[in-house]
Amino acid sequence: SIFGITDMGWYRQAPGNQRGLVATITSGG
């Protein structure tokens, strides 16, 4: 059900660390 997806992005998590934001991109670029 892909209709309505706005933002997409990448996160990363190393051992012992919280998951953190790497990069995001909107539907408009």
PDB file of all heavy atoms in Angstrom:
ATOM      1  N   SER A   1       0.842  -1.195   0.000  1.00  0.00           N
ATOM      2  CA  SER A   1       0.000   0.000   0.000  1.00  0.00           C
ATOM      3  C   SER A   1       0.874   1.241   0.000  1.00  0.00           C
ATOM      4  O   SER A   1       0.984   1.958   1.001  1.00  0.00           O
ATOM      5  CB  SER A   1      -0.943  -0.018   1.205  1.00  0.00           C
ATOM      6  OG  SER A   1      -1.777  -1.150   1.196  1.00  0.00           O
ATOM      7  N   ILE A   2       1.500   1.520  -1.139  1.00  0.00           N
ATOM      8  CA  ILE A   2       2.509   2.572  -1.221  1.00  0.00           C
ATOM      9  C   ILE A   2       1.920   3.961  -1.428  1.00  0.00           C
ATOM     10  O   ILE A   2       2.636   4.954  -1.268  1.00  0.00           O
ATOM     11  CB  ILE A   2       3.518   2.287  -2.346  1.00  0.00           C
ATOM     12  CG1 ILE A   2       2.803   2.194  -3.695  1.00  0.00           C
ATOM     13  CG2 ILE A   2       4.289   1.002  -2.046  1.00  0.00           C
ATOM     14  CD1 ILE A   2       3.741   2.019  -4.869  1.00  0.00           C
ATOM     15  N   PHE A   3       0.639   4.053  -1.785  1.00  0.00           N
ATOM     16  CA  PHE A   3       0.031   5.364  -1.985  1.00  0.00           C
ATOM     17  C   PHE A   3       0.072   6.159  -0.683  1.00  0.00           C
ATOM     18  O   PHE A   3      -0.296   5.660   0.376  1.00  0.00           O
ATOM     19  CB  PHE A   3      -1.407   5.231  -2.470  1.00  0.00           C
ATOM     20  CG  PHE A   3      -2.086   6.546  -2.698  1.00  0.00           C
ATOM     21  CD1 PHE A   3      -1.868   7.251  -3.868  1.00  0.00           C
ATOM     22  CD2 PHE A   3      -2.933   7.082  -1.746  1.00  0.00           C
ATOM     23  CE1 PHE A   3      -2.490   8.478  -4.085  1.00  0.00           C
ATOM     24  CE2 PHE A   3      -3.552   8.301  -1.951  1.00  0.00           C
ATOM     25  CZ  PHE A   3      -3.331   8.998  -3.123  1.00  0.00           C
ATOM     26  N   GLY A   4       0.522   7.399  -0.770  1.00  0.00           N
ATOM     27  CA  GLY A   4       0.567   8.268   0.386  1.00  0.00           C
ATOM     28  C   GLY A   4       1.914   8.352   1.076  1.00  0.00           C
ATOM     29  O   GLY A   4       2.045   9.101   2.045  1.00  0.00           O
ATOM     30  N   ILE A   5       2.920   7.617   0.606  1.00  0.00           N
ATOM     31  CA  ILE A   5       4.258   7.725   1.184  1.00  0.00           C
ATOM     32  C   ILE A   5       4.803   9.122   0.923  1.00  0.00           C
ATOM     33  O   ILE A   5       4.786   9.603  -0.209  1.00  0.00           O
ATOM     34  CB  ILE A   5       5.210   6.663   0.618  1.00  0.00           C
ATOM     35  CG1 ILE A   5       4.819   5.277   1.108  1.00  0.00           C
ATOM     36  CG2 ILE A   5       6.649   6.973   1.010  1.00  0.00           C
ATOM     37  CD1 ILE A   5       5.690   4.162   0.558  1.00  0.00           C
ATOM     38  N   THR A   6       5.285   9.769   1.971  1.00  0.00           N
ATOM     39  CA  THR A   6       5.838  11.112   1.846  1.00  0.00           C
ATOM     40  C   THR A   6       7.360  11.069   1.948  1.00  0.00           C
ATOM     41  O   THR A   6       8.062  11.070   0.937  1.00  0.00           O
ATOM     42  CB  THR A   6       5.243  12.042   2.908  1.00  0.00           C
ATOM     43  OG1 THR A   6       5.402  11.468   4.215  1.00  0.00           O
ATOM     44  CG2 THR A   6       3.757  12.249   2.645  1.00  0.00           C
ATOM     45  N   ASP A   7       7.889  11.003   3.177  1.00  0.00           N
ATOM     46  CA  ASP A   7       9.328  10.976   3.375  1.00  0.00           C
ATOM     47  C   ASP A   7       9.870   9.550   3.367  1.00  0.00           C
ATOM     48  O   ASP A   7       9.200   8.600   3.774  1.00  0.00           O
ATOM     49  CB  ASP A   7       9.705  11.631   4.697  1.00  0.00           C
ATOM     50  CG  ASP A   7       9.310  13.098   4.752  1.00  0.00           C
ATOM     51  OD1 ASP A   7       8.954  13.669   3.706  1.00  0.00           O
ATOM     52  OD2 ASP A   7       9.363  13.679   5.856  1.00  0.00           O
ATOM     53  N   MET A   8      11.118   9.408   2.921  1.00  0.00           N
ATOM     54  CA  MET A   8      11.857   8.171   3.040  1.00  0.00           C
ATOM     55  C   MET A   8      13.246   8.515   3.569  1.00  0.00           C
ATOM     56  O   MET A   8      13.714   9.644   3.417  1.00  0.00           O
ATOM     57  CB  MET A   8      11.957   7.424   1.710  1.00  0.00           C
ATOM     58  CG  MET A   8      10.618   7.057   1.108  1.00  0.00           C
ATOM     59  SD  MET A   8      10.741   6.009  -0.373  1.00  0.00           S
ATOM     60  CE  MET A   8      11.138   4.423   0.388  1.00  0.00           C
ATOM     61  N   GLY A   9      13.893   7.538   4.213  1.00  0.00           N
ATOM     62  CA  GLY A   9      15.193   7.836   4.770  1.00  0.00           C
ATOM     63  C   GLY A   9      15.960   6.612   5.203  1.00  0.00           C
ATOM     64  O   GLY A   9      15.500   5.474   5.061  1.00  0.00           O
ATOM     65  N   TRP A  10      17.155   6.874   5.723  1.00  0.00           N
ATOM     66  CA  TRP A  10      18.050   5.844   6.221  1.00  0.00           C
ATOM     67  C   TRP A  10      18.463   6.163   7.646  1.00  0.00           C
ATOM     68  O   TRP A  10      18.787   7.312   7.972  1.00  0.00           O
ATOM     69  CB  TRP A  10      19.295   5.719   5.336  1.00  0.00           C
ATOM     70  CG  TRP A  10      19.003   5.195   3.962  1.00  0.00           C
ATOM     71  CD1 TRP A  10      18.730   5.916   2.848  1.00  0.00           C
ATOM     72  CD2 TRP A  10      18.958   3.827   3.575  1.00  0.00           C
ATOM     73  NE1 TRP A  10      18.510   5.092   1.786  1.00  0.00           N
ATOM     74  CE2 TRP A  10      18.645   3.790   2.200  1.00  0.00           C
ATOM     75  CE3 TRP A  10      19.149   2.619   4.257  1.00  0.00           C
ATOM     76  CZ2 TRP A  10      18.525   2.601   1.489  1.00  0.00           C
ATOM     77  CZ3 TRP A  10      19.026   1.431   3.555  1.00  0.00           C
ATOM     78  CH2 TRP A  10      18.719   1.432   2.189  1.00  0.00           C
ATOM     79  N   TYR A  11      18.463   5.136   8.494  1.00  0.00           N
ATOM     80  CA  TYR A  11      18.927   5.209   9.869  1.00  0.00           C
ATOM     81  C   TYR A  11      19.977   4.132  10.082  1.00  0.00           C
ATOM     82  O   TYR A  11      20.069   3.181   9.304  1.00  0.00           O
ATOM     83  CB  TYR A  11      17.765   5.009  10.848  1.00  0.00           C
ATOM     84  CG  TYR A  11      16.762   6.144  10.865  1.00  0.00           C
ATOM     85  CD1 TYR A  11      15.922   6.377   9.783  1.00  0.00           C
ATOM     86  CD2 TYR A  11      16.649   6.978  11.975  1.00  0.00           C
ATOM     87  CE1 TYR A  11      15.002   7.412   9.790  1.00  0.00           C
ATOM     88  CE2 TYR A  11      15.729   8.009  11.999  1.00  0.00           C
ATOM     89  CZ  TYR A  11      14.907   8.223  10.904  1.00  0.00           C
ATOM     90  OH  TYR A  11      13.997   9.248  10.928  1.00  0.00           O
ATOM     91  N   ARG A  12      20.766   4.267  11.149  1.00  0.00           N
ATOM     92  CA  ARG A  12      21.762   3.247  11.456  1.00  0.00           C
ATOM     93  C   ARG A  12      21.872   3.055  12.954  1.00  0.00           C
ATOM     94  O   ARG A  12      21.579   3.953  13.740  1.00  0.00           O
ATOM     95  CB  ARG A  12      23.123   3.591  10.859  1.00  0.00           C
ATOM     96  CG  ARG A  12      23.794   4.827  11.454  1.00  0.00           C
ATOM     97  CD  ARG A  12      25.063   5.156  10.665  1.00  0.00           C
ATOM     98  NE  ARG A  12      25.762   6.310  11.203  1.00  0.00           N
ATOM     99  CZ  ARG A  12      26.831   6.865  10.638  1.00  0.00           C
ATOM    100  NH1 ARG A  12      27.318   6.366   9.497  1.00  0.00           N
ATOM    101  NH2 ARG A  12      27.413   7.921  11.207  1.00  0.00           N
ATOM    102  N   GLN A  13      22.308   1.853  13.342  1.00  0.00           N
ATOM    103  CA  GLN A  13      22.449   1.510  14.745  1.00  0.00           C
ATOM    104  C   GLN A  13      23.679   0.626  14.923  1.00  0.00           C
ATOM    105  O   GLN A  13      23.765  -0.456  14.347  1.00  0.00           O
ATOM    106  CB  GLN A  13      21.205   0.789  15.267  1.00  0.00           C
ATOM    107  CG  GLN A  13      21.227   0.525  16.753  1.00  0.00           C
ATOM    108  CD  GLN A  13      19.883   0.053  17.269  1.00  0.00           C
ATOM    109  OE1 GLN A  13      19.060  -0.460  16.504  1.00  0.00           O
ATOM    110  NE2 GLN A  13      19.639   0.231  18.551  1.00  0.00           N
ATOM    111  N   ALA A  14      24.632   1.098  15.725  1.00  0.00           N
ATOM    112  CA  ALA A  14      25.820   0.341  16.086  1.00  0.00           C
ATOM    113  C   ALA A  14      25.594  -0.322  17.439  1.00  0.00           C
ATOM    114  O   ALA A  14      24.771   0.143  18.232  1.00  0.00           O
ATOM    115  CB  ALA A  14      27.041   1.250  16.135  1.00  0.00           C
ATOM    116  N   PRO A  15      26.319  -1.413  17.747  1.00  0.00           N
ATOM    117  CA  PRO A  15      26.144  -2.088  19.034  1.00  0.00           C
ATOM    118  C   PRO A  15      26.324  -1.138  20.211  1.00  0.00           C
ATOM    119  O   PRO A  15      27.299  -0.383  20.271  1.00  0.00           O
ATOM    120  CB  PRO A  15      27.227  -3.165  19.020  1.00  0.00           C
ATOM    121  CG  PRO A  15      27.440  -3.456  17.572  1.00  0.00           C
ATOM    122  CD  PRO A  15      27.283  -2.134  16.890  1.00  0.00           C
ATOM    123  N   GLY A  16      25.368  -1.153  21.128  1.00  0.00           N
ATOM    124  CA  GLY A  16      25.424  -0.295  22.301  1.00  0.00           C
ATOM    125  C   GLY A  16      24.915   1.107  22.095  1.00  0.00           C
ATOM    126  O   GLY A  16      24.863   1.884  23.059  1.00  0.00           O
ATOM    127  N   ASN A  17      24.541   1.467  20.866  1.00  0.00           N
ATOM    128  CA  ASN A  17      24.060   2.812  20.562  1.00  0.00           C
ATOM    129  C   ASN A  17      22.589   2.796  20.183  1.00  0.00           C
ATOM    130  O   ASN A  17      22.031   1.766  19.802  1.00  0.00           O
ATOM    131  CB  ASN A  17      24.868   3.429  19.424  1.00  0.00           C
ATOM    132  CG  ASN A  17      26.309   3.689  19.786  1.00  0.00           C
ATOM    133  OD1 ASN A  17      26.664   3.748  20.967  1.00  0.00           O
ATOM    134  ND2 ASN A  17      27.152   3.848  18.777  1.00  0.00           N
ATOM    135  N   GLN A  18      21.965   3.972  20.279  1.00  0.00           N
ATOM    136  CA  GLN A  18      20.596   4.130  19.814  1.00  0.00           C
ATOM    137  C   GLN A  18      20.573   4.251  18.294  1.00  0.00           C
ATOM    138  O   GLN A  18      21.565   4.631  17.673  1.00  0.00           O
ATOM    139  CB  GLN A  18      19.945   5.357  20.440  1.00  0.00           C
ATOM    140  CG  GLN A  18      19.721   5.266  21.938  1.00  0.00           C
ATOM    141  CD  GLN A  18      18.989   6.478  22.473  1.00  0.00           C
ATOM    142  OE1 GLN A  18      19.189   7.599  21.997  1.00  0.00           O
ATOM    143  NE2 GLN A  18      18.136   6.264  23.464  1.00  0.00           N
ATOM    144  N   ARG A  19      19.426   3.928  17.699  1.00  0.00           N
ATOM    145  CA  ARG A  19      19.257   4.113  16.273  1.00  0.00           C
ATOM    146  C   ARG A  19      19.206   5.604  15.961  1.00  0.00           C
ATOM    147  O   ARG A  19      18.447   6.354  16.580  1.00  0.00           O
ATOM    148  CB  ARG A  19      17.983   3.416  15.793  1.00  0.00           C
ATOM    149  CG  ARG A  19      17.803   3.415  14.284  1.00  0.00           C
ATOM    150  CD  ARG A  19      16.598   2.580  13.873  1.00  0.00           C
ATOM    151  NE  ARG A  19      16.720   1.185  14.290  1.00  0.00           N
ATOM    152  CZ  ARG A  19      15.848   0.243  14.002  1.00  0.00           C
ATOM    153  NH1 ARG A  19      14.777   0.532  13.283  1.00  0.00           N
ATOM    154  NH2 ARG A  19      16.044  -0.999  14.439  1.00  0.00           N
ATOM    155  N   GLY A  20      20.014   6.041  14.999  1.00  0.00           N
ATOM    156  CA  GLY A  20      20.112   7.451  14.674  1.00  0.00           C
ATOM    157  C   GLY A  20      19.875   7.731  13.203  1.00  0.00           C
ATOM    158  O   GLY A  20      20.094   6.875  12.351  1.00  0.00           O
ATOM    159  N   LEU A  21      19.452   8.945  12.915  1.00  0.00           N
ATOM    160  CA  LEU A  21      19.172   9.381  11.554  1.00  0.00           C
ATOM    161  C   LEU A  21      20.461   9.553  10.759  1.00  0.00           C
ATOM    162  O   LEU A  21      21.433  10.134  11.249  1.00  0.00           O
ATOM    163  CB  LEU A  21      18.400  10.700  11.587  1.00  0.00           C
ATOM    164  CG  LEU A  21      18.150  11.381  10.244  1.00  0.00           C
ATOM    165  CD1 LEU A  21      17.182  10.554   9.404  1.00  0.00           C
ATOM    166  CD2 LEU A  21      17.611  12.791  10.453  1.00  0.00           C
ATOM    167  N   VAL A  22      20.461   9.065   9.525  1.00  0.00           N
ATOM    168  CA  VAL A  22      21.562   9.271   8.593  1.00  0.00           C
ATOM    169  C   VAL A  22      21.178  10.312   7.547  1.00  0.00           C
ATOM    170  O   VAL A  22      21.884  11.299   7.346  1.00  0.00           O
ATOM    171  CB  VAL A  22      21.977   7.960   7.905  1.00  0.00           C
ATOM    172  CG1 VAL A  22      23.063   8.223   6.863  1.00  0.00           C
ATOM    173  CG2 VAL A  22      22.453   6.947   8.933  1.00  0.00           C
ATOM    174  N   ALA A  23      20.054  10.095   6.859  1.00  0.00           N
ATOM    175  CA  ALA A  23      19.607  11.008   5.818  1.00  0.00           C
ATOM    176  C   ALA A  23      18.132  10.776   5.538  1.00  0.00           C
ATOM    177  O   ALA A  23      17.629   9.661   5.706  1.00  0.00           O
ATOM    178  CB  ALA A  23      20.416  10.829   4.532  1.00  0.00           C
ATOM    179  N   THR A  24      17.434  11.831   5.109  1.00  0.00           N
ATOM    180  CA  THR A  24      16.038  11.733   4.700  1.00  0.00           C
ATOM    181  C   THR A  24      15.839  12.483   3.392  1.00  0.00           C
ATOM    182  O   THR A  24      16.619  13.369   3.039  1.00  0.00           O
ATOM    183  CB  THR A  24      15.072  12.300   5.751  1.00  0.00           C
ATOM    184  OG1 THR A  24      15.357  13.682   5.980  1.00  0.00           O
ATOM    185  CG2 THR A  24      15.181  11.538   7.063  1.00  0.00           C
ATOM    186  N   ILE A  25      14.756  12.138   2.688  1.00  0.00           N
ATOM    187  CA  ILE A  25      14.405  12.807   1.445  1.00  0.00           C
ATOM    188  C   ILE A  25      12.892  12.830   1.315  1.00  0.00           C
ATOM    189  O   ILE A  25      12.220  11.824   1.551  1.00  0.00           O
ATOM    190  CB  ILE A  25      15.082  12.135   0.230  1.00  0.00           C
ATOM    191  CG1 ILE A  25      14.794  12.911  -1.055  1.00  0.00           C
ATOM    192  CG2 ILE A  25      14.664  10.674   0.111  1.00  0.00           C
ATOM    193  CD1 ILE A  25      15.663  12.471  -2.229  1.00  0.00           C
ATOM    194  N   THR A  26      12.332  13.987   0.958  1.00  0.00           N
ATOM    195  CA  THR A  26      10.897  14.124   0.785  1.00  0.00           C
ATOM    196  C   THR A  26      10.490  13.664  -0.607  1.00  0.00           C
ATOM    197  O   THR A  26      11.328  13.423  -1.477  1.00  0.00           O
ATOM    198  CB  THR A  26      10.453  15.572   0.993  1.00  0.00           C
ATOM    199  OG1 THR A  26      10.947  16.383  -0.081  1.00  0.00           O
ATOM    200  CG2 THR A  26      10.967  16.121   2.318  1.00  0.00           C
ATOM    201  N   SER A  27       9.176  13.558  -0.822  1.00  0.00           N
ATOM    202  CA  SER A  27       8.677  13.178  -2.140  1.00  0.00           C
ATOM    203  C   SER A  27       9.036  14.215  -3.195  1.00  0.00           C
ATOM    204  O   SER A  27       9.114  13.887  -4.380  1.00  0.00           O
ATOM    205  CB  SER A  27       7.161  12.974  -2.101  1.00  0.00           C
ATOM    206  OG  SER A  27       6.497  14.155  -1.689  1.00  0.00           O
ATOM    207  N   GLY A  28       9.272  15.468  -2.777  1.00  0.00           N
ATOM    208  CA  GLY A  28       9.674  16.518  -3.685  1.00  0.00           C
ATOM    209  C   GLY A  28      11.172  16.616  -3.912  1.00  0.00           C
ATOM    210  O   GLY A  28      11.615  17.450  -4.706  1.00  0.00           O
ATOM    211  N   GLY A  29      11.960  15.790  -3.203  1.00  0.00           N
ATOM    212  CA  GLY A  29      13.390  15.755  -3.418  1.00  0.00           C
ATOM    213  C   GLY A  29      14.231  16.561  -2.444  1.00  0.00           C
ATOM    214  O   GLY A  29      15.453  16.640  -2.613  1.00  0.00           O
TER     215      GLY A  29
END
